[in-house]
Amino acid sequence: MPPYEPEEVLVPDGADAFPRLVAAVRARFPRLLVCDLEGRRLQSAWIDVDDGVVPGRQRVSVFPTARDRVGIVVERSWLRQDFAGAPYWTAPVGDRDAERELAAALRAALTP
């Protein structure tokens, strides 16, 4: 299996570009646990996601992949019950659709 490829977003030059990206991420993921403006790294807290079938949660990580690009990974996990009925979270997996949707919103926020 090939390695996971994050969705990438071009971050234009300019002092306000990454702060605009941060604001766009916060619009969907309000609580950031990591917000390193110099290192261009973000990670949100988990937020609840309800698709109407199984309760879930998701979070986003943003990190540099090149001088002018950042990668976006949206992870998702679901609440399950073990054989004794105790709840547990599944291992997180990448959510490609959420990554593409967030990347499009970030690109729009970065367009002058």
C-alpha atoms as a PDB file:
ATOM      1  CA  MET A   1       0.000   0.000   0.000  1.00  0.00           C
ATOM      2  CA  PRO A   2       1.434   3.433  -0.905  1.00  0.00           C
ATOM      3  CA  PRO A   3       2.012   5.963   1.871  1.00  0.00           C
ATOM      4  CA  TYR A   4      -0.795   8.363   2.725  1.00  0.00           C
ATOM      5  CA  GLU A   5      -0.565  11.549   0.666  1.00  0.00           C
ATOM      6  CA  PRO A   6      -1.994  14.628   2.372  1.00  0.00           C
ATOM      7  CA  GLU A   7      -4.007  17.190   0.458  1.00  0.00           C
ATOM      8  CA  GLU A   8      -1.720  20.160  -0.281  1.00  0.00           C
ATOM      9  CA  VAL A   9      -2.463  23.880  -0.352  1.00  0.00           C
ATOM     10  CA  LEU A  10      -0.219  26.572  -1.810  1.00  0.00           C
ATOM     11  CA  VAL A  11       0.378  29.351   0.739  1.00  0.00           C
ATOM     12  CA  PRO A  12       1.249  32.560  -1.113  1.00  0.00           C
ATOM     13  CA  ASP A  13       3.945  34.917   0.084  1.00  0.00           C
ATOM     14  CA  GLY A  14       2.780  37.647   2.398  1.00  0.00           C
ATOM     15  CA  ALA A  15       2.685  38.234   6.117  1.00  0.00           C
ATOM     16  CA  ASP A  16      -1.078  37.742   6.312  1.00  0.00           C
ATOM     17  CA  ALA A  17      -1.332  34.490   4.315  1.00  0.00           C
ATOM     18  CA  PHE A  18      -0.828  31.965   7.114  1.00  0.00           C
ATOM     19  CA  PRO A  19      -2.983  33.902   9.617  1.00  0.00           C
ATOM     20  CA  ARG A  20      -5.797  33.845   7.007  1.00  0.00           C
ATOM     21  CA  LEU A  21      -5.304  30.083   6.694  1.00  0.00           C
ATOM     22  CA  VAL A  22      -5.481  29.758  10.501  1.00  0.00           C
ATOM     23  CA  ALA A  23      -8.740  31.736  10.567  1.00  0.00           C
ATOM     24  CA  ALA A  24     -10.228  29.491   7.875  1.00  0.00           C
ATOM     25  CA  VAL A  25      -9.230  26.344   9.800  1.00  0.00           C
ATOM     26  CA  ARG A  26     -10.701  27.789  13.021  1.00  0.00           C
ATOM     27  CA  ALA A  27     -14.005  28.408  11.247  1.00  0.00           C
ATOM     28  CA  ARG A  28     -14.412  24.609  11.040  1.00  0.00           C
ATOM     29  CA  PHE A  29     -12.205  23.453  13.914  1.00  0.00           C
ATOM     30  CA  PRO A  30     -12.497  26.208  16.567  1.00  0.00           C
ATOM     31  CA  ARG A  31     -10.086  24.810  19.158  1.00  0.00           C
ATOM     32  CA  LEU A  32      -6.457  24.533  18.085  1.00  0.00           C
ATOM     33  CA  LEU A  33      -4.124  22.556  20.351  1.00  0.00           C
ATOM     34  CA  VAL A  34      -1.096  23.479  18.244  1.00  0.00           C
ATOM     35  CA  CYS A  35      -0.838  26.859  16.525  1.00  0.00           C
ATOM     36  CA  ASP A  36       2.774  27.428  15.469  1.00  0.00           C
ATOM     37  CA  LEU A  37       2.739  30.354  13.042  1.00  0.00           C
ATOM     38  CA  GLU A  38       6.503  30.328  12.424  1.00  0.00           C
ATOM     39  CA  GLY A  39       6.607  26.573  11.857  1.00  0.00           C
ATOM     40  CA  ARG A  40       3.340  26.640   9.898  1.00  0.00           C
ATOM     41  CA  ARG A  41       1.885  23.837  12.011  1.00  0.00           C
ATOM     42  CA  LEU A  42      -1.635  23.461  13.334  1.00  0.00           C
ATOM     43  CA  GLN A  43      -3.539  20.694  15.034  1.00  0.00           C
ATOM     44  CA  SER A  44      -7.102  20.962  16.218  1.00  0.00           C
ATOM     45  CA  ALA A  45      -8.827  19.280  19.097  1.00  0.00           C
ATOM     46  CA  TRP A  46     -11.254  16.510  18.220  1.00  0.00           C
ATOM     47  CA  ILE A  47     -14.737  17.742  17.285  1.00  0.00           C
ATOM     48  CA  ASP A  48     -17.903  15.651  17.293  1.00  0.00           C
ATOM     49  CA  VAL A  49     -19.214  14.491  13.931  1.00  0.00           C
ATOM     50  CA  ASP A  50     -22.626  12.923  13.531  1.00  0.00           C
ATOM     51  CA  ASP A  51     -23.382  11.364  10.166  1.00  0.00           C
ATOM     52  CA  GLY A  52     -26.700  10.030  11.453  1.00  0.00           C
ATOM     53  CA  VAL A  53     -25.385   6.470  11.616  1.00  0.00           C
ATOM     54  CA  VAL A  54     -22.476   6.212  14.036  1.00  0.00           C
ATOM     55  CA  PRO A  55     -21.162   8.909  16.393  1.00  0.00           C
ATOM     56  CA  GLY A  56     -17.722  10.055  15.329  1.00  0.00           C
ATOM     57  CA  ARG A  57     -15.043  12.646  15.836  1.00  0.00           C
ATOM     58  CA  GLN A  58     -12.504  14.332  13.603  1.00  0.00           C
ATOM     59  CA  ARG A  59      -9.517  16.637  13.820  1.00  0.00           C
ATOM     60  CA  VAL A  60      -7.209  18.380  11.383  1.00  0.00           C
ATOM     61  CA  SER A  61      -3.436  18.660  11.200  1.00  0.00           C
ATOM     62  CA  VAL A  62      -1.677  21.212   8.996  1.00  0.00           C
ATOM     63  CA  PHE A  63       2.080  21.024   8.408  1.00  0.00           C
ATOM     64  CA  PRO A  64       4.652  22.273   5.904  1.00  0.00           C
ATOM     65  CA  THR A  65       5.373  20.004   2.934  1.00  0.00           C
ATOM     66  CA  ALA A  66       7.465  22.529   0.971  1.00  0.00           C
ATOM     67  CA  ARG A  67       8.550  26.142   1.358  1.00  0.00           C
ATOM     68  CA  ASP A  68       5.284  27.428  -0.088  1.00  0.00           C
ATOM     69  CA  ARG A  69       2.899  24.542   0.656  1.00  0.00           C
ATOM     70  CA  VAL A  70       1.176  22.922   3.588  1.00  0.00           C
ATOM     71  CA  GLY A  71      -0.291  19.466   3.876  1.00  0.00           C
ATOM     72  CA  ILE A  72      -3.720  18.855   5.371  1.00  0.00           C
ATOM     73  CA  VAL A  73      -4.769  15.643   7.066  1.00  0.00           C
ATOM     74  CA  VAL A  74      -8.267  15.254   8.475  1.00  0.00           C
ATOM     75  CA  GLU A  75      -8.533  12.214  10.726  1.00  0.00           C
ATOM     76  CA  ARG A  76     -11.766  10.575  11.739  1.00  0.00           C
ATOM     77  CA  SER A  77     -12.658   7.853  14.224  1.00  0.00           C
ATOM     78  CA  TRP A  78     -15.943   6.318  15.320  1.00  0.00           C
ATOM     79  CA  LEU A  79     -17.398   5.291  18.647  1.00  0.00           C
ATOM     80  CA  ARG A  80     -17.896   1.543  18.961  1.00  0.00           C
ATOM     81  CA  GLN A  81     -18.653  -0.974  21.687  1.00  0.00           C
ATOM     82  CA  ASP A  82     -16.557  -3.998  22.534  1.00  0.00           C
ATOM     83  CA  PHE A  83     -18.060  -7.435  23.197  1.00  0.00           C
ATOM     84  CA  ALA A  84     -18.786  -6.438  26.823  1.00  0.00           C
ATOM     85  CA  GLY A  85     -20.537  -3.223  25.773  1.00  0.00           C
ATOM     86  CA  ALA A  86     -17.738  -0.852  26.812  1.00  0.00           C
ATOM     87  CA  PRO A  87     -17.347   2.114  24.442  1.00  0.00           C
ATOM     88  CA  TYR A  88     -14.084   2.804  22.624  1.00  0.00           C
ATOM     89  CA  TRP A  89     -12.846   4.948  19.733  1.00  0.00           C
ATOM     90  CA  THR A  90     -11.619   3.272  16.566  1.00  0.00           C
ATOM     91  CA  ALA A  91      -8.128   4.037  15.302  1.00  0.00           C
ATOM     92  CA  PRO A  92      -8.145   7.302  13.332  1.00  0.00           C
ATOM     93  CA  VAL A  93      -8.136   7.127   9.542  1.00  0.00           C
ATOM     94  CA  GLY A  94      -7.723   9.824   6.918  1.00  0.00           C
ATOM     95  CA  ASP A  95     -10.927  11.354   5.570  1.00  0.00           C
ATOM     96  CA  ARG A  96     -10.140  12.243   1.941  1.00  0.00           C
ATOM     97  CA  ASP A  97     -13.462  13.955   1.263  1.00  0.00           C
ATOM     98  CA  ALA A  98     -13.115  16.196   4.325  1.00  0.00           C
ATOM     99  CA  GLU A  99      -9.522  16.992   3.321  1.00  0.00           C
ATOM    100  CA  ARG A 100     -10.556  18.035  -0.192  1.00  0.00           C
ATOM    101  CA  GLU A 101     -13.430  20.123   1.159  1.00  0.00           C
ATOM    102  CA  LEU A 102     -11.202  21.870   3.728  1.00  0.00           C
ATOM    103  CA  ALA A 103      -8.441  22.419   1.153  1.00  0.00           C
ATOM    104  CA  ALA A 104     -10.951  24.131  -1.161  1.00  0.00           C
ATOM    105  CA  ALA A 105     -12.055  26.421   1.688  1.00  0.00           C
ATOM    106  CA  LEU A 106      -8.442  27.239   2.534  1.00  0.00           C
ATOM    107  CA  ARG A 107      -7.615  28.006  -1.099  1.00  0.00           C
ATOM    108  CA  ALA A 108     -10.590  30.347  -1.229  1.00  0.00           C
ATOM    109  CA  ALA A 109      -9.471  32.075   1.976  1.00  0.00           C
ATOM    110  CA  LEU A 110      -5.970  32.550   0.533  1.00  0.00           C
ATOM    111  CA  THR A 111      -7.172  33.982  -2.781  1.00  0.00           C
ATOM    112  CA  PRO A 112      -6.874  37.776  -2.765  1.00  0.00           C
END
